Structure formats: C-alpha cells, structure tokens
C-alpha cells in the first residue's frame, strides 16, 4: 500500500476542476490524481532535474495503474472576490474584472491519498520522497502544502463508485489517468519524446481541438452527502455551553446593509433569535435574547445579549455581527444562534450571515470592539438616556446629569469600579470614526419608547488603565448604538 499525505499549510485547497472556469465558483474536491501526477512531474523537472527518466517513469506508471482511495477531512467551501486590472479601451484606461477564488477549507487536517495495490521498491520510495519534499504548493499557487509518503491512513471515505450503492452518498466526477497510459506526447505522436500526456498544456489542447486531455478519463467517486456542512449543533451539545459568551457572524453576499442602519440590524437579529428560540422551545420566552423576564419586566443587570453590528474591513457597510452575553448562553440559546443564517424583514434587504465561531471574549480578543485600550472613541453615535437639566434656584442653581456625569455613572454601574473614566471629550469632528457619516446620519428610533436625550454625540473616553471591550452605553446600547472602539483603530 502507498499513502501520500497532503497537508495544506494555509488551511485551504485552491483548485478548479478541469473544464470549469474559476468564476463558476466550483472547487475541485477530492484532489484529482491527474493533477497530482502532473504536479509530481513538474516538481521533478524544475526542482530535481538530476533524477533520470528511467528512475521516475516506473513510479509514475504504478501511480497511473490504479485508482486511489481518499480519506478526506471535514471541510467547508468558501471564497474570496477581488478585481483584476485589465487594459481597457484605446485610451489606455485601466478596467477591472471581478474574479472569484473558491477554495475548500481543510484547516489543519491532512488529505490522505491511498493506492492499495501499489508497492514501491526502496529506491523508488526514496526518489518519490525526494520529489514530494520539494513540492511547496498543490493546485493554485496559494495552496501552500507539505507532502510526504505516509505509513498508514485512516479509513477511506471517498472511493471509486464501482459496484457500490450511491444512494446515501454524493457522486463526484474525478479526472484520473488511463490505467495503461503510454508516456509519449499524443499531441506530437509522430515522434517519441520525453513529454507525456500528463504534460500537455491547455494551449496544446485548444490547438488540437481537444476538450478533455488525452490519456485521461472521468471516473465517478462517492463521498458522504453534505460533506461541506459541519454539524455545529451537535458539537454544541457536547461542549460546555456555560462558557460561551460570544457568537460571531460575517455578513456575506453582494448587498450588505449600510452602517447607518446599525440599530435596525441589531433589532432584527434580536427578533430573529427570539423567534428561533420560541419555535424550538414551544413558544417560551428567552430572557437572554429579549432582555425581559417572563413577566415582561426589563432586566437591569445588562447580563443579557448585546447585538453589535460592526464595520471592520471598510467604512461603508456592516460586515460582521457579534452577539455578546456577559451572563453566558445555554444550550438551547446556542442552538437558536447556530441555526441563524439570514435576517429577513418585509420590504427590506435580506442579510445573509456566515457563522464564524463562538467562545469567550479572550478567544476573540483580536476583534476591534473586544480589544484592550485606555482610549476609546465612538464608532456609532452615543445618545444619553436622560436630559441634562438644572437643579436648584438662585445661587444654588446647578447643572445635573451632564454628558460627563451620565457617562461616568453608566460605565461605573455597568462595568464596575475597575473601569474608571478619567476624561470625557466631546469630539468636534462631525464624522464618526473616520467614516463619511455624521452622527445624525444614523437611524436611531426603535418601534416604541423614547429616544432618550435625542442628541447624537461623538465621544472620546480616557480610562485610568487599559480596559477590555465591548464598551457600549446609552440609548439602544444593546443594539449597536453608543458603541466604542480603541482610538488606535
């Protein structure tokens, strides 16, 4: 038995199946034997040219002589989008084309390729190890990898179809070399040369009007259904839910909500969480989501959920949503959160969510709103819950509930004595956190109740010592208003 173990060092396998365009968004999975043999030849020719043909060809003939089995790790599909500059019209104005880079996320788990009927001699195994050691990427250039000859493999979970029943499995075509492939270049068959069908380029195929590469065939493999959909709910049941205080989502799709709709999105995710929890638990209330007890009284300890939409990669749209509950989520609440994939509302855009992980604030300490700093500035406008007013009369008349008083008192009540505010600065800049928006541009009304003081403030806070976020105070602080980020950001 021969085992080749492929470890993707960046945690992703980037490759497009033969005959597909990269913008179709279809990843190759499992890695095709045809691609693996081509990669071995490429590494041999460019990085180990001292190896002779008569030493390498017998190894390639054995690899092409049978179809391998695979042990594929738990994985998922993701993609990035970027624009490539292209030369435009005769005025030499540069144009851009959108390119999708779809890839399979494998994490730290390797892929095992197993040939059961192959036994290499000692010299052949040393030659193959020499070649594989020099292989630095497999697939597209960003698929960094380390490849080695293994001694054993887990049970295969992706095998040729053969006589197996595909009813409970997923069928996928895989490009493999013909079992008795001849090592001559069929596009130049009139002369026997060192090139092989495995080395043919797409340009050669186009010139010869070939669609599939000569010397190769498509073989149906079977692998488990829903292999790209990890079962997060089951994992939550086996973990300790009492330790989970943070659940994190990325906002994906072509259309994302603008950042001035922070309050709207925070309110919508609260409604979605309450709805999903109610459907799964016979209509019961979840105080952690609603912020109210079973009698409808508002919870005052601020241990229930904060729904915080953020703009972290740019300054126009909401790109992440973080749900934080200082009191911790239980199993039923986590199930509702894990099932959340979209936010819908009549006559409004659909917000698509991608679950990114859960844990504690320490695990997500690299997120902007959860970092540690002694200087914080407003990311969304702060609206005080009470009006500034005068008290007393004559010489005893004084201002109470000032901006500074309210902020210091609320931080002390919500976060404790360790969060000691030394200075409160009302920023003169009308722009929020280096965006193009003024504080008044943010939507700031909920479905009922007052809007507090009504003024929208842009504030800078200074603490006696560095403190950990999130820092959210004022009206609608549980929905993203009054949210602060470290000044360094």
Protein backbone atom coordinates (compact mmCIF):
# COMPACT_ATOMS: atom_id res chain seq x y z
CA UNK A 1 0.00 0.00 0.00
CA UNK A 2 1.23 3.50 -0.88
CA UNK A 3 -0.03 6.51 1.12
CA UNK A 4 0.62 10.14 0.18
CA UNK A 5 -0.30 12.65 2.89
CA UNK A 6 -1.02 16.24 1.79
CA UNK A 7 -1.09 18.93 4.49
CA UNK A 8 -2.36 22.35 3.34
CA UNK A 9 -0.32 24.81 5.39
CA UNK A 10 -2.75 27.72 4.90
CA UNK A 11 -5.73 25.50 5.72
CA UNK A 12 -7.22 25.71 2.21
CA UNK A 13 -7.06 23.80 -1.08
CA UNK A 14 -7.48 26.11 -4.08
CA UNK A 15 -8.09 24.34 -7.40
CA UNK A 16 -10.62 24.44 -10.22
CA UNK A 17 -11.79 21.19 -11.88
CA UNK A 18 -10.66 20.57 -15.44
CA UNK A 19 -13.12 22.14 -17.88
CA UNK A 20 -14.51 24.68 -15.40
CA UNK A 21 -13.84 28.39 -15.20
CA UNK A 22 -12.59 29.86 -11.95
CA UNK A 23 -15.57 32.26 -11.83
CA UNK A 24 -18.03 29.37 -11.80
CA UNK A 25 -17.22 29.00 -8.11
CA UNK A 26 -16.78 25.21 -8.31
CA UNK A 27 -13.84 23.80 -6.32
CA UNK A 28 -12.09 20.54 -7.14
CA UNK A 29 -12.69 18.01 -4.39
CA UNK A 30 -11.19 15.50 -3.92
CA UNK A 31 -7.80 16.48 -5.43
CA UNK A 32 -7.65 14.72 -8.80
CA UNK A 33 -4.99 12.00 -9.38
CA UNK A 34 -4.41 13.62 -12.79
CA UNK A 35 -3.42 16.88 -11.06
CA UNK A 36 -1.22 15.04 -8.55
CA UNK A 37 0.75 13.24 -11.23
CA UNK A 38 1.20 16.49 -13.18
CA UNK A 39 2.45 18.17 -10.00
CA UNK A 40 4.96 15.37 -9.40
CA UNK A 41 6.30 15.70 -12.94
CA UNK A 42 6.51 19.49 -12.64
CA UNK A 43 8.47 19.32 -9.39
CA UNK A 44 10.75 16.66 -10.85
CA UNK A 45 11.52 18.67 -13.99
CA UNK A 46 12.05 22.03 -12.28
CA UNK A 47 13.43 21.16 -8.85
CA UNK A 48 15.03 17.72 -9.20
CA UNK A 49 16.31 17.55 -12.79
CA UNK A 50 19.19 15.34 -11.71
CA UNK A 51 16.77 12.40 -11.44
CA UNK A 52 16.82 10.33 -14.62
CA UNK A 53 13.82 9.31 -16.69
CA UNK A 54 14.33 5.59 -16.12
CA UNK A 55 14.21 6.26 -12.35
CA UNK A 56 10.97 8.26 -12.31
CA UNK A 57 8.86 6.70 -15.10
CA UNK A 58 8.30 3.35 -13.28
CA UNK A 59 6.90 5.24 -10.28
CA UNK A 60 4.52 7.26 -12.46
CA UNK A 61 3.40 4.11 -14.28
CA UNK A 62 2.50 2.49 -10.95
CA UNK A 63 0.58 5.58 -9.79
CA UNK A 64 -1.34 5.68 -13.07
CA UNK A 65 -2.03 1.96 -12.98
CA UNK A 66 -4.88 2.04 -10.43
CA UNK A 67 -7.39 4.45 -8.97
CA UNK A 68 -6.58 5.77 -5.49
CA UNK A 69 -8.87 5.95 -2.48
CA UNK A 70 -9.08 9.04 -0.26
CA UNK A 71 -9.56 9.92 3.34
CA UNK A 72 -10.95 13.46 3.17
CA UNK A 73 -11.08 15.63 6.31
CA UNK A 74 -14.14 17.55 7.49
CA UNK A 75 -14.20 20.64 5.31
CA UNK A 76 -16.27 23.52 4.02
CA UNK A 77 -16.35 25.76 0.95
CA UNK A 78 -15.51 29.44 1.00
CA UNK A 79 -14.39 32.07 -1.48
CA UNK A 80 -12.86 35.50 -1.88
CA UNK A 81 -13.62 38.11 -4.52
CA UNK A 82 -11.13 40.54 -5.98
CA UNK A 83 -10.79 42.75 -9.01
CA UNK A 84 -8.04 42.20 -11.55
CA UNK A 85 -6.86 45.21 -13.59
CA UNK A 86 -7.26 44.79 -17.34
CA UNK A 87 -6.31 47.15 -20.12
CA UNK A 88 -9.44 48.87 -21.31
CA UNK A 89 -10.20 50.87 -24.42
CA UNK A 90 -7.65 52.53 -26.70
CA UNK A 91 -7.32 55.47 -24.28
CA UNK A 92 -5.43 53.01 -22.01
CA UNK A 93 -7.86 53.49 -19.13
CA UNK A 94 -7.48 50.54 -16.79
CA UNK A 95 -10.60 48.47 -16.32
CA UNK A 96 -11.26 45.80 -13.69
CA UNK A 97 -12.72 42.29 -13.85
CA UNK A 98 -14.28 40.57 -10.86
CA UNK A 99 -12.60 37.23 -10.10
CA UNK A 100 -13.92 34.64 -7.64
CA UNK A 101 -11.40 32.49 -5.80
CA UNK A 102 -13.30 29.47 -4.49
CA UNK A 103 -11.49 27.05 -2.22
CA UNK A 104 -12.02 24.14 0.17
CA UNK A 105 -11.28 24.93 3.80
CA UNK A 106 -9.49 21.96 5.40
CA UNK A 107 -7.95 23.59 8.45
CA UNK A 108 -5.04 21.66 9.92
CA UNK A 109 -6.42 18.27 8.82
CA UNK A 110 -4.50 16.44 6.05
CA UNK A 111 -5.76 14.66 2.94
CA UNK A 112 -4.68 11.03 2.52
CA UNK A 113 -4.37 9.55 -1.00
CA UNK A 114 -4.10 5.76 -0.83
CA UNK A 115 -3.17 3.22 -3.53
CA UNK A 116 -3.94 -0.22 -2.08
CA UNK A 117 -2.37 -2.27 -4.88
CA UNK A 118 0.96 -0.45 -5.13
CA UNK A 119 4.24 -1.42 -3.51
CA UNK A 120 7.31 0.67 -4.22
CA UNK A 121 10.82 -0.65 -4.01
CA UNK A 122 13.12 1.03 -1.52
CA UNK A 123 14.93 3.05 -4.21
CA UNK A 124 11.62 4.13 -5.77
CA UNK A 125 10.24 5.25 -2.39
CA UNK A 126 13.36 7.36 -1.76
CA UNK A 127 13.00 9.01 -5.19
CA UNK A 128 9.31 9.75 -4.59
CA UNK A 129 10.09 11.20 -1.14
CA UNK A 130 12.75 13.42 -2.69
CA UNK A 131 10.27 14.81 -5.21
CA UNK A 132 7.39 15.27 -2.75
CA UNK A 133 9.63 17.06 -0.25
CA UNK A 134 10.25 19.76 -2.85
CA UNK A 135 6.51 20.25 -3.59
CA UNK A 136 5.57 23.60 -1.99
CA UNK A 137 2.07 24.08 -3.43
CA UNK A 138 -0.60 21.88 -4.95
CA UNK A 139 -3.41 23.34 -7.05
CA UNK A 140 -3.23 27.10 -7.46
CA UNK A 141 -0.15 28.87 -6.17
CA UNK A 142 -1.85 29.95 -2.94
CA UNK A 143 -2.42 26.28 -1.92
CA UNK A 144 0.78 26.01 0.09
CA UNK A 145 1.38 22.47 1.19
CA UNK A 146 3.77 19.92 2.58
CA UNK A 147 3.58 16.43 1.03
CA UNK A 148 5.11 13.23 2.26
CA UNK A 149 4.87 9.46 1.89
CA UNK A 150 2.86 8.11 4.81
CA UNK A 151 2.96 4.77 6.56
CA UNK A 152 -0.75 4.41 7.33
CA UNK A 153 -4.08 6.09 6.63
CA UNK A 154 -7.49 6.41 8.32
CA UNK A 155 -10.39 4.52 6.80
CA UNK A 156 -11.11 5.88 3.26
CA UNK A 157 -14.33 7.87 2.90
CA UNK A 158 -14.06 8.67 -0.83
CA UNK A 159 -13.65 5.73 -3.24
CA UNK A 160 -14.43 4.88 -6.90
CA UNK A 161 -18.08 4.04 -7.43
CA UNK A 162 -17.62 0.54 -8.84
CA UNK A 163 -20.48 -1.68 -7.68
CA UNK A 164 -21.21 0.36 -4.55
CA UNK A 165 -24.66 1.78 -3.85
CA UNK A 166 -24.57 5.59 -4.27
CA UNK A 167 -27.99 6.11 -2.65
CA UNK A 168 -26.63 7.53 0.60
CA UNK A 169 -23.54 9.10 -0.92
CA UNK A 170 -22.62 12.01 -3.12
CA UNK A 171 -21.33 11.29 -6.64
CA UNK A 172 -18.49 13.43 -7.94
CA UNK A 173 -16.51 13.08 -11.22
CA UNK A 174 -12.73 12.84 -10.75
CA UNK A 175 -10.17 13.15 -13.54
CA UNK A 176 -7.77 10.19 -13.48
CA UNK A 177 -5.10 8.94 -15.91
CA UNK A 178 -5.86 5.88 -18.02
CA UNK A 179 -4.55 2.74 -16.33
CA UNK A 180 -2.17 1.87 -19.18
CA UNK A 181 -1.18 5.35 -20.24
CA UNK A 182 1.80 5.49 -22.60
CA UNK A 183 4.44 8.04 -21.79
CA UNK A 184 4.54 9.81 -25.14
CA UNK A 185 3.15 13.17 -26.16
CA UNK A 186 -0.05 12.34 -28.07
CA UNK A 187 -0.30 15.87 -29.46
CA UNK A 188 3.01 15.15 -31.22
CA UNK A 189 2.59 11.42 -31.64
CA UNK A 190 4.76 11.30 -34.73
CA UNK A 191 7.87 11.40 -32.57
CA UNK A 192 8.51 9.62 -29.32
CA UNK A 193 9.80 12.20 -26.85
CA UNK A 194 10.24 12.72 -23.13
CA UNK A 195 6.98 14.61 -22.70
CA UNK A 196 3.82 12.73 -21.81
CA UNK A 197 0.12 13.26 -21.96
CA UNK A 198 0.39 14.39 -18.37
CA UNK A 199 2.45 17.38 -19.51
CA UNK A 200 0.08 18.63 -22.18
CA UNK A 201 -0.91 22.29 -21.82
CA UNK A 202 -4.32 23.82 -22.38
CA UNK A 203 -2.92 25.74 -25.36
CA UNK A 204 -1.87 22.46 -26.97
CA UNK A 205 -5.34 21.06 -26.40
CA UNK A 206 -7.01 24.12 -27.92
CA UNK A 207 -4.74 23.92 -30.96
CA UNK A 208 -5.71 20.26 -31.43
CA UNK A 209 -9.41 20.86 -30.65
CA UNK A 210 -9.32 18.59 -27.59
CA UNK A 211 -11.73 19.17 -24.71
CA UNK A 212 -10.52 16.66 -22.15
CA UNK A 213 -6.80 15.86 -22.01
CA UNK A 214 -5.81 12.73 -23.96
CA UNK A 215 -4.79 9.85 -21.74
CA UNK A 216 -7.32 10.80 -19.05
CA UNK A 217 -10.88 9.81 -18.19
CA UNK A 218 -13.59 10.86 -15.74
CA UNK A 219 -14.34 8.34 -13.01
CA UNK A 220 -17.28 8.62 -10.63
CA UNK A 221 -16.25 8.67 -6.97
CA UNK A 222 -18.59 8.58 -4.00
CA UNK A 223 -18.21 10.54 -0.78
CA UNK A 224 -20.57 11.38 2.11
CA UNK A 225 -23.50 13.67 1.38
CA UNK A 226 -23.36 17.18 2.86
CA UNK A 227 -19.61 16.75 3.27
CA UNK A 228 -19.20 20.55 3.28
CA UNK A 229 -21.78 21.16 6.03
CA UNK A 230 -20.35 20.62 9.51
CA UNK A 231 -22.93 19.83 12.18
CA UNK A 232 -22.35 22.68 14.58
CA UNK A 233 -25.43 22.00 16.69
CA UNK A 234 -24.26 18.52 17.70
CA UNK A 235 -20.87 19.88 18.66
CA UNK A 236 -22.54 22.48 20.86
CA UNK A 237 -24.38 19.75 22.72
CA UNK A 238 -21.10 18.02 23.61
CA UNK A 239 -19.36 21.21 24.75
CA UNK A 240 -19.75 23.27 27.89
CA UNK A 241 -22.26 25.95 26.85
CA UNK A 242 -21.93 27.89 30.08
CA UNK A 243 -18.54 29.17 28.91
CA UNK A 244 -19.79 30.62 25.62
CA UNK A 245 -20.35 34.38 25.82
CA UNK A 246 -19.59 35.41 22.21
CA UNK A 247 -21.11 34.21 18.92
CA UNK A 248 -19.68 35.70 15.76
CA UNK A 249 -21.06 36.07 12.21
CA UNK A 250 -19.77 37.55 8.96
CA UNK A 251 -22.26 39.40 6.76
CA UNK A 252 -21.90 37.95 3.25
CA UNK A 253 -23.48 38.47 -0.15
CA UNK A 254 -23.47 41.07 -2.87
CA UNK A 255 -25.60 43.52 -0.87
CA UNK A 256 -24.81 44.36 2.77
CA UNK A 257 -26.64 46.88 4.95
CA UNK A 258 -25.12 50.35 5.31
CA UNK A 259 -23.54 51.22 8.63
CA UNK A 260 -26.12 53.91 9.38
CA UNK A 261 -28.62 51.02 9.78
CA UNK A 262 -26.74 49.63 12.78
CA UNK A 263 -29.76 49.92 15.10
CA UNK A 264 -32.08 48.35 12.51
CA UNK A 265 -29.82 45.31 12.07
CA UNK A 266 -29.26 44.93 15.81
CA UNK A 267 -33.01 44.94 16.37
CA UNK A 268 -33.60 42.46 13.54
CA UNK A 269 -31.10 39.91 14.84
CA UNK A 270 -32.70 40.12 18.30
CA UNK A 271 -36.09 39.41 16.75
CA UNK A 272 -34.66 36.50 14.74
CA UNK A 273 -33.04 34.95 17.82
CA UNK A 274 -36.24 35.24 19.86
CA UNK A 275 -38.28 33.74 17.01
CA UNK A 276 -35.98 30.76 16.50
CA UNK A 277 -35.75 30.09 20.22
CA UNK A 278 -39.55 30.22 20.54
CA UNK A 279 -40.11 27.77 17.65
CA UNK A 280 -37.70 25.26 19.17
CA UNK A 281 -38.97 25.65 22.75
CA UNK A 282 -42.78 25.70 22.50
CA UNK A 283 -43.08 29.47 22.34
CA UNK A 284 -41.26 30.15 25.59
CA UNK A 285 -39.51 33.45 26.25
CA UNK A 286 -35.70 33.65 26.34
CA UNK A 287 -34.71 36.44 28.76
CA UNK A 288 -31.15 36.23 27.44
CA UNK A 289 -32.39 37.29 23.98
CA UNK A 290 -35.32 39.54 24.85
CA UNK A 291 -33.81 41.39 27.82
CA UNK A 292 -37.10 40.90 29.71
CA UNK A 293 -38.23 38.40 32.31
CA UNK A 294 -41.29 36.20 31.91
CA UNK A 295 -43.48 38.98 33.32
CA UNK A 296 -42.25 41.50 30.77
CA UNK A 297 -40.06 43.49 33.14
CA UNK A 298 -36.84 44.87 31.66
CA UNK A 299 -33.66 43.28 33.02
CA UNK A 300 -31.38 45.83 34.66
CA UNK A 301 -28.12 43.93 35.16
CA UNK A 302 -27.00 44.04 31.49
CA UNK A 303 -26.02 40.35 31.55
CA UNK A 304 -28.31 39.57 28.60
CA UNK A 305 -27.38 39.70 24.90
CA UNK A 306 -25.82 42.65 23.10
CA UNK A 307 -26.34 42.59 19.31
CA UNK A 308 -23.42 44.53 17.84
CA UNK A 309 -23.21 45.08 14.06
CA UNK A 310 -19.76 46.39 13.11
CA UNK A 311 -17.85 47.69 10.12
CA UNK A 312 -14.34 46.29 10.43
CA UNK A 313 -12.89 45.99 6.91
CA UNK A 314 -14.18 49.24 5.38
CA UNK A 315 -16.25 52.31 6.25
CA UNK A 316 -19.48 51.90 4.27
CA UNK A 317 -21.26 48.62 5.10
CA UNK A 318 -21.83 46.33 8.07
CA UNK A 319 -19.57 43.31 7.56
CA UNK A 320 -19.77 41.49 10.93
CA UNK A 321 -22.28 40.89 13.71
CA UNK A 322 -21.16 39.88 17.20
CA UNK A 323 -23.70 38.66 19.76
CA UNK A 324 -22.29 39.00 23.29
CA UNK A 325 -23.93 37.89 26.54
CA UNK A 326 -21.84 38.53 29.66
CA UNK A 327 -24.04 36.04 31.51
CA UNK A 328 -23.30 33.24 29.02
CA UNK A 329 -25.55 31.27 26.63
CA UNK A 330 -27.13 27.93 27.48
CA UNK A 331 -27.52 25.01 25.07
CA UNK A 332 -30.99 25.98 23.79
CA UNK A 333 -29.88 29.56 23.15
CA UNK A 334 -26.79 28.35 21.29
CA UNK A 335 -28.92 26.10 19.08
CA UNK A 336 -31.02 29.11 18.09
CA UNK A 337 -27.89 31.14 17.33
CA UNK A 338 -26.22 28.35 15.34
CA UNK A 339 -29.30 27.95 13.12
CA UNK A 340 -29.29 31.64 12.20
CA UNK A 341 -28.33 32.12 8.54
CA UNK A 342 -30.45 35.04 7.33
CA UNK A 343 -32.18 38.16 8.62
CA UNK A 344 -35.42 38.83 6.78
CA UNK A 345 -37.92 41.65 7.01
CA UNK A 346 -40.77 42.69 4.76
CA UNK A 347 -39.77 45.19 2.06
CA UNK A 348 -36.14 45.26 3.18
CA UNK A 349 -32.90 43.62 2.06
CA UNK A 350 -32.12 40.05 3.12
CA UNK A 351 -28.98 39.93 5.26
CA UNK A 352 -27.02 36.69 4.77
CA UNK A 353 -24.96 35.52 7.74
CA UNK A 354 -21.99 33.13 7.88
CA UNK A 355 -21.26 31.63 11.29
CA UNK A 356 -17.60 32.23 12.20
CA UNK A 357 -17.26 30.80 15.68
CA UNK A 358 -18.16 31.05 19.33
CA UNK A 359 -16.30 31.22 22.62
CA UNK A 360 -15.24 33.82 25.16
CA UNK A 361 -14.03 37.39 24.83
CA UNK A 362 -10.46 36.17 25.37
CA UNK A 363 -10.67 33.94 22.29
CA UNK A 364 -11.92 36.86 20.17
CA UNK A 365 -9.56 39.45 21.67
CA UNK A 366 -8.27 40.39 18.21
CA UNK A 367 -11.70 41.78 17.22
CA UNK A 368 -11.69 45.57 17.33
CA UNK A 369 -14.58 46.01 19.78
CA UNK A 370 -13.10 43.37 22.14
CA UNK A 371 -9.56 44.71 22.30
CA UNK A 372 -7.91 46.30 25.30
CA UNK A 373 -7.14 50.03 25.40
CA UNK A 374 -7.19 53.07 27.67
CA UNK A 375 -8.52 55.41 24.96
CA UNK A 376 -11.80 54.76 23.14
CA UNK A 377 -13.80 56.71 20.56
CA UNK A 378 -17.36 56.48 19.28
CA UNK A 379 -17.93 54.01 16.48
CA UNK A 380 -21.67 54.73 16.48
CA UNK A 381 -23.41 57.79 17.96
CA UNK A 382 -23.99 57.92 21.70
CA UNK A 383 -27.48 59.02 22.80
CA UNK A 384 -27.87 59.77 26.50
CA UNK A 385 -30.81 58.19 28.32
CA UNK A 386 -31.68 61.35 30.29
CA UNK A 387 -31.83 65.05 29.55
CA UNK A 388 -29.31 67.46 31.01
CA UNK A 389 -31.20 69.74 33.41
CA UNK A 390 -30.85 72.41 36.06
CA UNK A 391 -31.47 71.83 39.74
CA UNK A 392 -32.00 74.40 42.48
CA UNK A 393 -32.51 78.12 42.11
CA UNK A 394 -30.69 81.39 42.60
CA UNK A 395 -27.06 80.99 43.66
CA UNK A 396 -27.65 77.27 44.28
CA UNK A 397 -28.76 76.61 40.71
CA UNK A 398 -26.54 74.00 39.07
CA UNK A 399 -26.45 71.69 36.08
CA UNK A 400 -27.05 67.99 36.77
CA UNK A 401 -26.95 64.92 34.56
CA UNK A 402 -24.33 66.46 32.31
CA UNK A 403 -22.79 64.44 29.50
CA UNK A 404 -19.76 63.61 31.63
CA UNK A 405 -21.86 62.74 34.70
CA UNK A 406 -24.13 60.35 32.80
CA UNK A 407 -21.27 58.59 31.01
CA UNK A 408 -19.21 58.09 34.17
CA UNK A 409 -22.18 56.86 36.17
CA UNK A 410 -23.34 54.40 33.50
CA UNK A 411 -19.88 52.94 32.98
CA UNK A 412 -19.44 52.58 36.74
CA UNK A 413 -22.84 50.88 37.12
CA UNK A 414 -22.43 48.59 34.08
CA UNK A 415 -18.73 47.67 34.28
CA UNK A 416 -17.68 48.23 37.90
CA UNK A 417 -15.03 50.23 39.70
CA UNK A 418 -12.13 48.91 37.58
CA UNK A 419 -13.43 50.87 34.56
CA UNK A 420 -12.51 54.29 35.92
CA UNK A 421 -13.08 57.13 33.42
CA UNK A 422 -10.58 59.96 33.77
CA UNK A 423 -11.69 62.16 30.87
CA UNK A 424 -14.71 62.56 28.58
CA UNK A 425 -14.10 64.56 25.40
CA UNK A 426 -16.87 65.62 23.05
CA UNK A 427 -15.22 65.40 19.67
CA UNK A 428 -15.56 68.41 17.39
CA UNK A 429 -15.31 66.23 14.29
CA UNK A 430 -18.74 65.61 12.79
CA UNK A 431 -17.52 62.35 11.18
CA UNK A 432 -17.93 59.07 13.02
CA UNK A 433 -14.73 57.04 13.40
CA UNK A 434 -13.15 58.22 10.14
CA UNK A 435 -16.25 57.40 8.10
CA UNK A 436 -18.07 59.82 5.81
CA UNK A 437 -21.13 59.84 8.06
CA UNK A 438 -22.21 62.36 10.63
CA UNK A 439 -23.68 61.12 13.88
CA UNK A 440 -27.13 62.36 12.80
CA UNK A 441 -26.98 60.14 9.70
CA UNK A 442 -27.51 57.01 11.82
CA UNK A 443 -31.01 55.58 12.19
CA UNK A 444 -31.91 55.89 15.87
CA UNK A 445 -35.56 55.02 16.51
CA UNK A 446 -36.98 51.75 17.77
CA UNK A 447 -40.58 50.66 17.38
CA UNK A 448 -41.74 52.15 20.69
CA UNK A 449 -40.47 54.20 23.62
CA UNK A 450 -38.48 57.40 23.79
CA UNK A 451 -35.16 58.21 22.16
CA UNK A 452 -33.56 59.35 25.39
CA UNK A 453 -31.93 62.76 25.26
CA UNK A 454 -32.25 62.80 21.48
CA UNK A 455 -28.83 64.35 20.79
CA UNK A 456 -26.28 62.25 18.93
CA UNK A 457 -22.80 62.58 20.40
CA UNK A 458 -19.33 61.74 19.16
CA UNK A 459 -17.27 60.99 22.27
CA UNK A 460 -13.71 60.10 23.25
CA UNK A 461 -13.18 58.27 26.55
CA UNK A 462 -9.98 58.06 28.58
CA UNK A 463 -9.60 55.39 31.28
CA UNK A 464 -7.12 55.27 34.13
CA UNK A 465 -5.94 51.84 32.92
CA UNK A 466 -6.40 49.80 29.73
CA UNK A 467 -9.82 48.12 29.77
CA UNK A 468 -11.35 45.32 27.71
CA UNK A 469 -14.27 45.92 25.37
CA UNK A 470 -17.04 45.88 24.47
CA UNK A 471 -17.86 49.41 25.66
CA UNK A 472 -21.49 50.19 24.81
CA UNK A 473 -23.56 52.75 26.72
CA UNK A 474 -26.59 54.96 26.31
CA UNK A 475 -29.85 54.53 24.44
CA UNK A 476 -30.06 51.29 22.35
CA UNK A 477 -26.63 50.18 23.55
CA UNK A 478 -27.78 46.54 23.27
CA UNK A 479 -28.35 47.09 19.54
CA UNK A 480 -25.11 48.78 18.47
CA UNK A 481 -25.61 52.46 19.33
CA UNK A 482 -23.22 54.06 21.80
CA UNK A 483 -20.51 51.58 20.76
CA UNK A 484 -16.84 52.45 21.15
CA UNK A 485 -13.62 51.20 19.55
CA UNK A 486 -9.99 51.70 20.64
CA UNK A 487 -8.60 55.04 19.49
CA UNK A 488 -5.65 53.28 17.85
CA UNK A 489 -8.09 51.66 15.40
